Amino acid sequence: MTRDQLEHAIRAACDVSKDTELWIFGSQAILGEFPNAPESLRASIEVDIQPKNRPETVDDIDAALGELSMFHQTHGFLCPWNTY
C-alpha cells in the first residue's frame, strides 16, 4: 500500500462514517509517520480503521469498503474495521 492509497482509504472511511476523525492502526499505520516506509513494511492491502466519534458506523465502513466490496474490487485494497 502507498501513502496515497492510505489517504484515499481515510477519505472514503470519513465519507461513509460521517466522521472527521479516525483511528488508524495495524501495519499500515506506519504510513502516517513514514510515507516512504520500506515495501516490506507496507505489503498489506488492508487498512484497519475505526471512526473515533462514531464507532457505531464500523459495520457501514466494512460493508462499503471491506473485502469483496466494490471499493475493494475497484482499488485493490480494503478497509476492514476492528474494535480494539
C-alpha atoms as a PDB file:
ATOM      1  CA  MET A   1       0.000   0.000   0.000  1.00  0.00           C
ATOM      2  CA  THR A   2       1.165   3.532  -0.651  1.00  0.00           C
ATOM      3  CA  ARG A   3       0.585   6.722   1.316  1.00  0.00           C
ATOM      4  CA  ASP A   4      -1.775   7.903  -1.459  1.00  0.00           C
ATOM      5  CA  GLN A   5      -3.834   4.733  -1.073  1.00  0.00           C
ATOM      6  CA  LEU A   6      -3.952   5.221   2.700  1.00  0.00           C
ATOM      7  CA  GLU A   7      -5.172   8.792   2.239  1.00  0.00           C
ATOM      8  CA  HIS A   8      -7.813   7.560  -0.228  1.00  0.00           C
ATOM      9  CA  ALA A   9      -8.991   4.970   2.297  1.00  0.00           C
ATOM     10  CA  ILE A  10      -9.171   7.608   5.021  1.00  0.00           C
ATOM     11  CA  ARG A  11     -11.259   9.945   2.854  1.00  0.00           C
ATOM     12  CA  ALA A  12     -13.588   7.087   1.910  1.00  0.00           C
ATOM     13  CA  ALA A  13     -13.992   5.954   5.524  1.00  0.00           C
ATOM     14  CA  CYS A  14     -14.711   9.527   6.624  1.00  0.00           C
ATOM     15  CA  ASP A  15     -17.372   9.810   3.914  1.00  0.00           C
ATOM     16  CA  VAL A  16     -19.013   6.535   4.918  1.00  0.00           C
ATOM     17  CA  SER A  17     -18.869   7.119   8.673  1.00  0.00           C
ATOM     18  CA  LYS A  18     -19.594  10.847   8.503  1.00  0.00           C
ATOM     19  CA  ASP A  19     -16.766  11.312  10.987  1.00  0.00           C
ATOM     20  CA  THR A  20     -13.764  13.574  10.505  1.00  0.00           C
ATOM     21  CA  GLU A  21     -11.526  11.656  12.901  1.00  0.00           C
ATOM     22  CA  LEU A  22     -10.447   8.048  12.562  1.00  0.00           C
ATOM     23  CA  TRP A  23      -8.216   5.661  14.444  1.00  0.00           C
ATOM     24  CA  ILE A  24      -5.725   4.036  12.071  1.00  0.00           C
ATOM     25  CA  PHE A  25      -3.894   1.037  13.478  1.00  0.00           C
ATOM     26  CA  GLY A  26      -2.259  -2.120  12.279  1.00  0.00           C
ATOM     27  CA  SER A  27       0.643  -2.398   9.881  1.00  0.00           C
ATOM     28  CA  GLN A  28      -0.390   0.418   7.544  1.00  0.00           C
ATOM     29  CA  ALA A  29      -0.472   2.992  10.341  1.00  0.00           C
ATOM     30  CA  ILE A  30       3.268   3.336   9.724  1.00  0.00           C
ATOM     31  CA  LEU A  31       2.477   5.330   6.575  1.00  0.00           C
ATOM     32  CA  GLY A  32       1.188   8.195   8.711  1.00  0.00           C
ATOM     33  CA  GLU A  33       4.645   8.996  10.010  1.00  0.00           C
ATOM     34  CA  PHE A  34       6.782   7.285   7.380  1.00  0.00           C
ATOM     35  CA  PRO A  35       5.130   7.761   3.954  1.00  0.00           C
ATOM     36  CA  ASN A  36       8.105   6.130   2.232  1.00  0.00           C
ATOM     37  CA  ALA A  37       8.366   3.143   4.560  1.00  0.00           C
ATOM     38  CA  PRO A  38      10.092   0.111   3.047  1.00  0.00           C
ATOM     39  CA  GLU A  39       7.791  -2.003   0.896  1.00  0.00           C
ATOM     40  CA  SER A  40       8.250  -4.958   3.235  1.00  0.00           C
ATOM     41  CA  LEU A  41       6.507  -2.939   5.978  1.00  0.00           C
ATOM     42  CA  ARG A  42       3.567  -1.869   3.827  1.00  0.00           C
ATOM     43  CA  ALA A  43       2.782  -5.067   1.951  1.00  0.00           C
ATOM     44  CA  SER A  44      -0.704  -5.486   3.418  1.00  0.00           C
ATOM     45  CA  ILE A  45      -3.702  -4.410   1.351  1.00  0.00           C
ATOM     46  CA  GLU A  46      -5.751  -3.734   4.491  1.00  0.00           C
ATOM     47  CA  VAL A  47      -6.151  -0.517   6.451  1.00  0.00           C
ATOM     48  CA  ASP A  48      -7.507  -1.055   9.948  1.00  0.00           C
ATOM     49  CA  ILE A  49      -9.829   1.887  10.600  1.00  0.00           C
ATOM     50  CA  GLN A  50     -12.301   2.821  13.285  1.00  0.00           C
ATOM     51  CA  PRO A  51     -14.216   6.108  13.470  1.00  0.00           C
ATOM     52  CA  LYS A  52     -13.223   7.962  16.623  1.00  0.00           C
ATOM     53  CA  ASN A  53     -16.518   9.749  17.251  1.00  0.00           C
ATOM     54  CA  ARG A  54     -18.994   7.428  15.530  1.00  0.00           C
ATOM     55  CA  PRO A  55     -17.829   3.874  16.370  1.00  0.00           C
ATOM     56  CA  GLU A  56     -21.316   2.570  15.622  1.00  0.00           C
ATOM     57  CA  THR A  57     -20.576   3.100  11.905  1.00  0.00           C
ATOM     58  CA  VAL A  58     -17.885   0.421  11.715  1.00  0.00           C
ATOM     59  CA  ASP A  59     -20.297  -2.011  10.055  1.00  0.00           C
ATOM     60  CA  ASP A  60     -21.097   0.616   7.425  1.00  0.00           C
ATOM     61  CA  ILE A  61     -17.388   1.014   6.650  1.00  0.00           C
ATOM     62  CA  ASP A  62     -16.890  -2.730   6.420  1.00  0.00           C
ATOM     63  CA  ALA A  63     -19.866  -3.107   4.069  1.00  0.00           C
ATOM     64  CA  ALA A  64     -18.855  -0.209   1.828  1.00  0.00           C
ATOM     65  CA  LEU A  65     -15.069  -0.577   1.837  1.00  0.00           C
ATOM     66  CA  GLY A  66     -14.274  -4.074   3.100  1.00  0.00           C
ATOM     67  CA  GLU A  67     -13.445  -7.351   1.449  1.00  0.00           C
ATOM     68  CA  LEU A  68     -15.434  -8.102  -1.727  1.00  0.00           C
ATOM     69  CA  SER A  69     -16.902  -4.572  -1.779  1.00  0.00           C
ATOM     70  CA  MET A  70     -16.959  -2.538  -4.985  1.00  0.00           C
ATOM     71  CA  PHE A  71     -14.317  -0.304  -3.372  1.00  0.00           C
ATOM     72  CA  HIS A  72     -12.033  -3.297  -2.844  1.00  0.00           C
ATOM     73  CA  GLN A  73     -12.611  -4.602  -6.360  1.00  0.00           C
ATOM     74  CA  THR A  74     -12.014  -1.173  -7.916  1.00  0.00           C
ATOM     75  CA  HIS A  75      -8.984  -0.056  -5.914  1.00  0.00           C
ATOM     76  CA  GLY A  76      -7.324  -3.315  -4.855  1.00  0.00           C
ATOM     77  CA  PHE A  77      -7.216  -2.553  -1.151  1.00  0.00           C
ATOM     78  CA  LEU A  78      -9.776  -2.618   1.624  1.00  0.00           C
ATOM     79  CA  CYS A  79     -10.736  -1.021   4.911  1.00  0.00           C
ATOM     80  CA  PRO A  80     -11.865  -3.590   7.423  1.00  0.00           C
ATOM     81  CA  TRP A  81     -12.886  -2.356  10.825  1.00  0.00           C
ATOM     82  CA  ASN A  82     -11.790  -3.528  14.199  1.00  0.00           C
ATOM     83  CA  THR A  83     -12.975  -2.781  17.692  1.00  0.00           C
ATOM     84  CA  TYR A  84      -9.861  -2.590  19.815  1.00  0.00           C
END
